[in-house]
């Protein structure tokens, strides 16, 4: 019996993370899904369930295999899933420009220093005024 997509914000954020990682592997790095399976040791059905947020709580070892196989720091997935003790950073809306999403992720990341966040905000204020 198929599991329906989770409404848990962590599962939804993890699904976006997996979709982005798979898209980058296939489109940007020219990997096939078979290559991804080989490098991660995971079956495509597992990755596709993750991508559709059809998970309750993914196994830590499988998530680590996924990250290691695709060269993604494990801490990224750990933060998204709340395994590091910090709440996951909210994911910016996909309709926002990719550069602005990257900036928003930095501002929402609890691992980014207050000084860096202050510098980013000051730069944004300067640019918003017309430089």
C-alpha atoms as a PDB file:
ATOM      1  CA  UNK A   1       0.000   0.000   0.000  1.00  0.00           C
ATOM      2  CA  UNK A   2       1.600   3.318  -1.051  1.00  0.00           C
ATOM      3  CA  UNK A   3       2.297   5.901   1.578  1.00  0.00           C
ATOM      4  CA  UNK A   4       0.836   9.337   0.916  1.00  0.00           C
ATOM      5  CA  UNK A   5       3.054  12.382   0.846  1.00  0.00           C
ATOM      6  CA  UNK A   6       3.891  13.662   4.290  1.00  0.00           C
ATOM      7  CA  UNK A   7       2.732  17.094   5.410  1.00  0.00           C
ATOM      8  CA  UNK A   8       5.608  17.334   7.908  1.00  0.00           C
ATOM      9  CA  UNK A   9       7.679  20.426   7.012  1.00  0.00           C
ATOM     10  CA  UNK A  10      10.891  18.434   7.550  1.00  0.00           C
ATOM     11  CA  UNK A  11       9.764  15.720   5.126  1.00  0.00           C
ATOM     12  CA  UNK A  12       8.765  18.349   2.552  1.00  0.00           C
ATOM     13  CA  UNK A  13      12.107  20.155   2.911  1.00  0.00           C
ATOM     14  CA  UNK A  14      13.949  16.828   2.652  1.00  0.00           C
ATOM     15  CA  UNK A  15      11.951  15.972  -0.492  1.00  0.00           C
ATOM     16  CA  UNK A  16      13.034  19.282  -2.063  1.00  0.00           C
ATOM     17  CA  UNK A  17      16.634  18.557  -1.069  1.00  0.00           C
ATOM     18  CA  UNK A  18      16.512  15.088  -2.669  1.00  0.00           C
ATOM     19  CA  UNK A  19      14.849  16.407  -5.836  1.00  0.00           C
ATOM     20  CA  UNK A  20      17.478  19.142  -6.159  1.00  0.00           C
ATOM     21  CA  UNK A  21      20.332  16.680  -5.522  1.00  0.00           C
ATOM     22  CA  UNK A  22      18.998  14.204  -8.102  1.00  0.00           C
ATOM     23  CA  UNK A  23      18.363  16.967 -10.660  1.00  0.00           C
ATOM     24  CA  UNK A  24      21.897  18.297 -10.204  1.00  0.00           C
ATOM     25  CA  UNK A  25      23.401  14.809 -10.496  1.00  0.00           C
ATOM     26  CA  UNK A  26      21.502  14.017 -13.688  1.00  0.00           C
ATOM     27  CA  UNK A  27      21.375  17.400 -15.429  1.00  0.00           C
ATOM     28  CA  UNK A  28      24.551  19.112 -14.259  1.00  0.00           C
ATOM     29  CA  UNK A  29      26.881  16.145 -13.793  1.00  0.00           C
ATOM     30  CA  UNK A  30      25.528  13.915 -16.551  1.00  0.00           C
ATOM     31  CA  UNK A  31      24.832  10.968 -14.266  1.00  0.00           C
ATOM     32  CA  UNK A  32      22.114   8.429 -14.988  1.00  0.00           C
ATOM     33  CA  UNK A  33      19.831   7.203 -12.241  1.00  0.00           C
ATOM     34  CA  UNK A  34      21.765   3.923 -12.452  1.00  0.00           C
ATOM     35  CA  UNK A  35      24.972   5.866 -11.725  1.00  0.00           C
ATOM     36  CA  UNK A  36      23.294   7.439  -8.700  1.00  0.00           C
ATOM     37  CA  UNK A  37      22.148   4.006  -7.498  1.00  0.00           C
ATOM     38  CA  UNK A  38      25.680   2.637  -7.864  1.00  0.00           C
ATOM     39  CA  UNK A  39      27.350   5.560  -6.097  1.00  0.00           C
ATOM     40  CA  UNK A  40      24.865   5.686  -3.216  1.00  0.00           C
ATOM     41  CA  UNK A  41      24.023   2.016  -2.826  1.00  0.00           C
ATOM     42  CA  UNK A  42      20.340   2.951  -2.694  1.00  0.00           C
ATOM     43  CA  UNK A  43      17.566   1.799  -4.964  1.00  0.00           C
ATOM     44  CA  UNK A  44      15.721   4.291  -7.095  1.00  0.00           C
ATOM     45  CA  UNK A  45      12.437   3.436  -5.373  1.00  0.00           C
ATOM     46  CA  UNK A  46      13.847   4.719  -2.066  1.00  0.00           C
ATOM     47  CA  UNK A  47      15.107   7.938  -3.638  1.00  0.00           C
ATOM     48  CA  UNK A  48      11.847   8.490  -5.519  1.00  0.00           C
ATOM     49  CA  UNK A  49       9.801   7.953  -2.328  1.00  0.00           C
ATOM     50  CA  UNK A  50      12.010  10.517  -0.605  1.00  0.00           C
ATOM     51  CA  UNK A  51      11.569  12.901  -3.537  1.00  0.00           C
ATOM     52  CA  UNK A  52       7.779  12.598  -3.232  1.00  0.00           C
ATOM     53  CA  UNK A  53       7.930  13.122   0.586  1.00  0.00           C
ATOM     54  CA  UNK A  54       6.519   9.619   1.073  1.00  0.00           C
ATOM     55  CA  UNK A  55       8.569   9.144   4.217  1.00  0.00           C
ATOM     56  CA  UNK A  56       8.004   9.364   7.908  1.00  0.00           C
ATOM     57  CA  UNK A  57      11.564   9.226   9.138  1.00  0.00           C
ATOM     58  CA  UNK A  58      14.296   8.192   6.694  1.00  0.00           C
ATOM     59  CA  UNK A  59      17.001   5.891   7.981  1.00  0.00           C
ATOM     60  CA  UNK A  60      20.085   7.843   8.950  1.00  0.00           C
ATOM     61  CA  UNK A  61      22.444   5.330   7.327  1.00  0.00           C
ATOM     62  CA  UNK A  62      20.590   5.592   4.003  1.00  0.00           C
ATOM     63  CA  UNK A  63      20.599   9.386   4.130  1.00  0.00           C
ATOM     64  CA  UNK A  64      24.342   9.319   4.813  1.00  0.00           C
ATOM     65  CA  UNK A  65      24.867   6.920   1.875  1.00  0.00           C
ATOM     66  CA  UNK A  66      22.911   9.288  -0.375  1.00  0.00           C
ATOM     67  CA  UNK A  67      24.938  12.309   0.704  1.00  0.00           C
ATOM     68  CA  UNK A  68      28.282  10.518   0.553  1.00  0.00           C
ATOM     69  CA  UNK A  69      27.556   9.037  -2.876  1.00  0.00           C
ATOM     70  CA  UNK A  70      26.693  12.435  -4.336  1.00  0.00           C
ATOM     71  CA  UNK A  71      29.383  14.390  -2.508  1.00  0.00           C
ATOM     72  CA  UNK A  72      26.945  16.366  -0.370  1.00  0.00           C
ATOM     73  CA  UNK A  73      27.954  17.161   3.225  1.00  0.00           C
ATOM     74  CA  UNK A  74      25.940  15.007   5.629  1.00  0.00           C
ATOM     75  CA  UNK A  75      25.263  18.068   7.761  1.00  0.00           C
ATOM     76  CA  UNK A  76      23.015  19.496   5.044  1.00  0.00           C
ATOM     77  CA  UNK A  77      20.549  16.601   5.304  1.00  0.00           C
ATOM     78  CA  UNK A  78      20.970  16.439   9.086  1.00  0.00           C
ATOM     79  CA  UNK A  79      19.954  20.088   9.414  1.00  0.00           C
ATOM     80  CA  UNK A  80      16.964  19.620   7.118  1.00  0.00           C
ATOM     81  CA  UNK A  81      15.768  16.593   9.076  1.00  0.00           C
ATOM     82  CA  UNK A  82      16.436  18.236  12.436  1.00  0.00           C
ATOM     83  CA  UNK A  83      18.987  15.599  13.457  1.00  0.00           C
ATOM     84  CA  UNK A  84      21.506  18.220  14.564  1.00  0.00           C
ATOM     85  CA  UNK A  85      19.249  19.619  17.274  1.00  0.00           C
ATOM     86  CA  UNK A  86      18.515  22.778  15.285  1.00  0.00           C
ATOM     87  CA  UNK A  87      15.170  23.312  13.583  1.00  0.00           C
ATOM     88  CA  UNK A  88      15.390  23.074   9.800  1.00  0.00           C
ATOM     89  CA  UNK A  89      15.838  26.322   7.907  1.00  0.00           C
ATOM     90  CA  UNK A  90      12.682  27.238   6.051  1.00  0.00           C
ATOM     91  CA  UNK A  91      13.072  26.719   2.329  1.00  0.00           C
ATOM     92  CA  UNK A  92      12.381  29.849   0.284  1.00  0.00           C
ATOM     93  CA  UNK A  93       9.570  29.701  -2.255  1.00  0.00           C
ATOM     94  CA  UNK A  94      10.679  28.059  -5.529  1.00  0.00           C
ATOM     95  CA  UNK A  95       9.327  30.996  -7.560  1.00  0.00           C
ATOM     96  CA  UNK A  96      12.024  33.244  -6.088  1.00  0.00           C
ATOM     97  CA  UNK A  97      15.169  33.845  -8.159  1.00  0.00           C
ATOM     98  CA  UNK A  98      17.781  31.111  -7.476  1.00  0.00           C
ATOM     99  CA  UNK A  99      20.370  33.664  -6.320  1.00  0.00           C
ATOM    100  CA  UNK A 100      17.906  35.176  -3.865  1.00  0.00           C
ATOM    101  CA  UNK A 101      16.977  31.691  -2.598  1.00  0.00           C
ATOM    102  CA  UNK A 102      20.670  31.053  -1.938  1.00  0.00           C
ATOM    103  CA  UNK A 103      20.931  34.319  -0.003  1.00  0.00           C
ATOM    104  CA  UNK A 104      17.769  33.500   1.953  1.00  0.00           C
ATOM    105  CA  UNK A 105      19.146  30.063   2.838  1.00  0.00           C
ATOM    106  CA  UNK A 106      22.323  31.717   4.188  1.00  0.00           C
ATOM    107  CA  UNK A 107      20.254  34.130   6.273  1.00  0.00           C
ATOM    108  CA  UNK A 108      18.105  31.292   7.660  1.00  0.00           C
ATOM    109  CA  UNK A 109      21.020  28.944   8.324  1.00  0.00           C
ATOM    110  CA  UNK A 110      21.768  28.726  12.065  1.00  0.00           C
ATOM    111  CA  UNK A 111      25.362  27.799  11.230  1.00  0.00           C
ATOM    112  CA  UNK A 112      26.087  31.159   9.569  1.00  0.00           C
ATOM    113  CA  UNK A 113      27.662  33.720  11.886  1.00  0.00           C
ATOM    114  CA  UNK A 114      25.788  36.834  12.968  1.00  0.00           C
ATOM    115  CA  UNK A 115      28.551  38.946  11.425  1.00  0.00           C
ATOM    116  CA  UNK A 116      28.075  37.377   7.998  1.00  0.00           C
ATOM    117  CA  UNK A 117      24.296  37.799   8.236  1.00  0.00           C
ATOM    118  CA  UNK A 118      24.763  41.465   9.141  1.00  0.00           C
ATOM    119  CA  UNK A 119      27.053  41.966   6.139  1.00  0.00           C
ATOM    120  CA  UNK A 120      24.561  40.269   3.804  1.00  0.00           C
ATOM    121  CA  UNK A 121      21.690  42.418   5.102  1.00  0.00           C
ATOM    122  CA  UNK A 122      23.742  45.615   4.766  1.00  0.00           C
ATOM    123  CA  UNK A 123      24.611  44.715   1.179  1.00  0.00           C
ATOM    124  CA  UNK A 124      20.973  43.983   0.375  1.00  0.00           C
ATOM    125  CA  UNK A 125      19.848  47.311   1.878  1.00  0.00           C
ATOM    126  CA  UNK A 126      22.474  49.121  -0.199  1.00  0.00           C
ATOM    127  CA  UNK A 127      21.360  47.369  -3.385  1.00  0.00           C
ATOM    128  CA  UNK A 128      17.671  47.954  -2.626  1.00  0.00           C
ATOM    129  CA  UNK A 129      18.314  51.716  -2.422  1.00  0.00           C
ATOM    130  CA  UNK A 130      19.765  51.656  -5.928  1.00  0.00           C
ATOM    131  CA  UNK A 131      23.431  51.319  -5.025  1.00  0.00           C
END
